[in-house]
Amino acid sequence: MLADGIIMSKLSYLISLWGGCEKYLIRSLQVIQSKAARVVTKLDWYTPTHVLLSQCGWLSVHQLYITL
């Protein structure tokens, strides 16, 4: 899965840096992750984010930061 290699590896590697950012920046990262999940799963725009992430097997940006 190309998205795992590009998107999630960067998020996981730099989450300690991005995790301390303002909430609006974390929200922006979550939007990018959700868009990548929509491309991977090819699901509808109205599909909830948690469904997209679970189908990809990804944690949300907030969950990545919490698991540090």
C-alpha atoms as a PDB file:
ATOM      1  CA  MET A   1       0.000   0.000   0.000  1.00  0.00           C
ATOM      2  CA  LEU A   2       1.631   3.184  -1.203  1.00  0.00           C
ATOM      3  CA  ALA A   3      -0.278   5.410   1.237  1.00  0.00           C
ATOM      4  CA  ASP A   4       1.177   3.473   4.176  1.00  0.00           C
ATOM      5  CA  GLY A   5       4.661   4.134   2.899  1.00  0.00           C
ATOM      6  CA  ILE A   6       4.190   7.808   2.154  1.00  0.00           C
ATOM      7  CA  ILE A   7       1.522   9.259   4.441  1.00  0.00           C
ATOM      8  CA  MET A   8       1.538   7.085   7.541  1.00  0.00           C
ATOM      9  CA  SER A   9       5.307   6.710   7.756  1.00  0.00           C
ATOM     10  CA  LYS A  10       5.712  10.493   7.784  1.00  0.00           C
ATOM     11  CA  LEU A  11       2.912  10.944  10.326  1.00  0.00           C
ATOM     12  CA  SER A  12       4.318   8.278  12.616  1.00  0.00           C
ATOM     13  CA  TYR A  13       7.875   9.555  12.365  1.00  0.00           C
ATOM     14  CA  LEU A  14       7.075  13.209  13.046  1.00  0.00           C
ATOM     15  CA  ILE A  15       4.093  12.846  15.382  1.00  0.00           C
ATOM     16  CA  SER A  16       6.123  13.876  18.420  1.00  0.00           C
ATOM     17  CA  LEU A  17       6.891  17.174  16.690  1.00  0.00           C
ATOM     18  CA  TRP A  18       3.409  17.720  15.276  1.00  0.00           C
ATOM     19  CA  GLY A  19       1.639  16.461  18.385  1.00  0.00           C
ATOM     20  CA  GLY A  20       2.635  19.541  20.371  1.00  0.00           C
ATOM     21  CA  CYS A  21       1.185  21.930  17.774  1.00  0.00           C
ATOM     22  CA  GLU A  22      -1.950  24.005  18.029  1.00  0.00           C
ATOM     23  CA  LYS A  23      -5.261  22.174  17.632  1.00  0.00           C
ATOM     24  CA  TYR A  24      -6.019  23.727  14.253  1.00  0.00           C
ATOM     25  CA  LEU A  25      -2.773  22.273  12.854  1.00  0.00           C
ATOM     26  CA  ILE A  26      -3.597  18.833  14.256  1.00  0.00           C
ATOM     27  CA  ARG A  27      -7.018  19.147  12.611  1.00  0.00           C
ATOM     28  CA  SER A  28      -5.322  19.956   9.291  1.00  0.00           C
ATOM     29  CA  LEU A  29      -3.205  16.814   9.585  1.00  0.00           C
ATOM     30  CA  GLN A  30      -6.325  14.791  10.331  1.00  0.00           C
ATOM     31  CA  VAL A  31      -8.029  16.165   7.218  1.00  0.00           C
ATOM     32  CA  ILE A  32      -5.039  15.148   5.080  1.00  0.00           C
ATOM     33  CA  GLN A  33      -5.020  11.675   6.617  1.00  0.00           C
ATOM     34  CA  SER A  34      -8.767  11.331   6.020  1.00  0.00           C
ATOM     35  CA  LYS A  35      -8.386  12.374   2.378  1.00  0.00           C
ATOM     36  CA  ALA A  36      -5.649   9.781   1.901  1.00  0.00           C
ATOM     37  CA  ALA A  37      -7.896   7.128   3.481  1.00  0.00           C
ATOM     38  CA  ARG A  38     -10.727   8.091   1.119  1.00  0.00           C
ATOM     39  CA  VAL A  39      -8.425   7.638  -1.864  1.00  0.00           C
ATOM     40  CA  VAL A  40      -7.225   4.261  -0.597  1.00  0.00           C
ATOM     41  CA  THR A  41     -10.668   2.890   0.280  1.00  0.00           C
ATOM     42  CA  LYS A  42     -12.573   4.610  -2.565  1.00  0.00           C
ATOM     43  CA  LEU A  43     -15.478   5.224  -0.181  1.00  0.00           C
ATOM     44  CA  ASP A  44     -18.077   7.977  -0.291  1.00  0.00           C
ATOM     45  CA  TRP A  45     -17.406  11.498   1.014  1.00  0.00           C
ATOM     46  CA  TYR A  46     -20.025  10.990   3.731  1.00  0.00           C
ATOM     47  CA  THR A  47     -18.330   7.924   5.198  1.00  0.00           C
ATOM     48  CA  PRO A  48     -17.253   8.673   8.792  1.00  0.00           C
ATOM     49  CA  THR A  49     -13.537   9.085   9.406  1.00  0.00           C
ATOM     50  CA  HIS A  50     -13.374   6.276  11.955  1.00  0.00           C
ATOM     51  CA  VAL A  51     -14.755   3.846   9.362  1.00  0.00           C
ATOM     52  CA  LEU A  52     -12.173   4.962   6.802  1.00  0.00           C
ATOM     53  CA  LEU A  53      -9.301   4.628   9.249  1.00  0.00           C
ATOM     54  CA  SER A  54     -10.415   1.238  10.513  1.00  0.00           C
ATOM     55  CA  GLN A  55     -10.649  -0.135   6.973  1.00  0.00           C
ATOM     56  CA  CYS A  56      -7.112   1.088   6.321  1.00  0.00           C
ATOM     57  CA  GLY A  57      -5.885  -0.178   9.682  1.00  0.00           C
ATOM     58  CA  TRP A  58      -4.640   3.283  10.670  1.00  0.00           C
ATOM     59  CA  LEU A  59      -4.817   5.225  13.910  1.00  0.00           C
ATOM     60  CA  SER A  60      -6.022   8.824  13.810  1.00  0.00           C
ATOM     61  CA  VAL A  61      -3.529  11.645  14.299  1.00  0.00           C
ATOM     62  CA  HIS A  62      -4.753  12.149  17.854  1.00  0.00           C
ATOM     63  CA  GLN A  63      -4.445   8.429  18.623  1.00  0.00           C
ATOM     64  CA  LEU A  64      -0.913   8.377  17.208  1.00  0.00           C
ATOM     65  CA  TYR A  65       0.063  11.186  19.546  1.00  0.00           C
ATOM     66  CA  ILE A  66      -1.569   9.528  22.559  1.00  0.00           C
ATOM     67  CA  THR A  67       0.257   6.220  21.968  1.00  0.00           C
ATOM     68  CA  LEU A  68       3.662   7.887  22.195  1.00  0.00           C
END
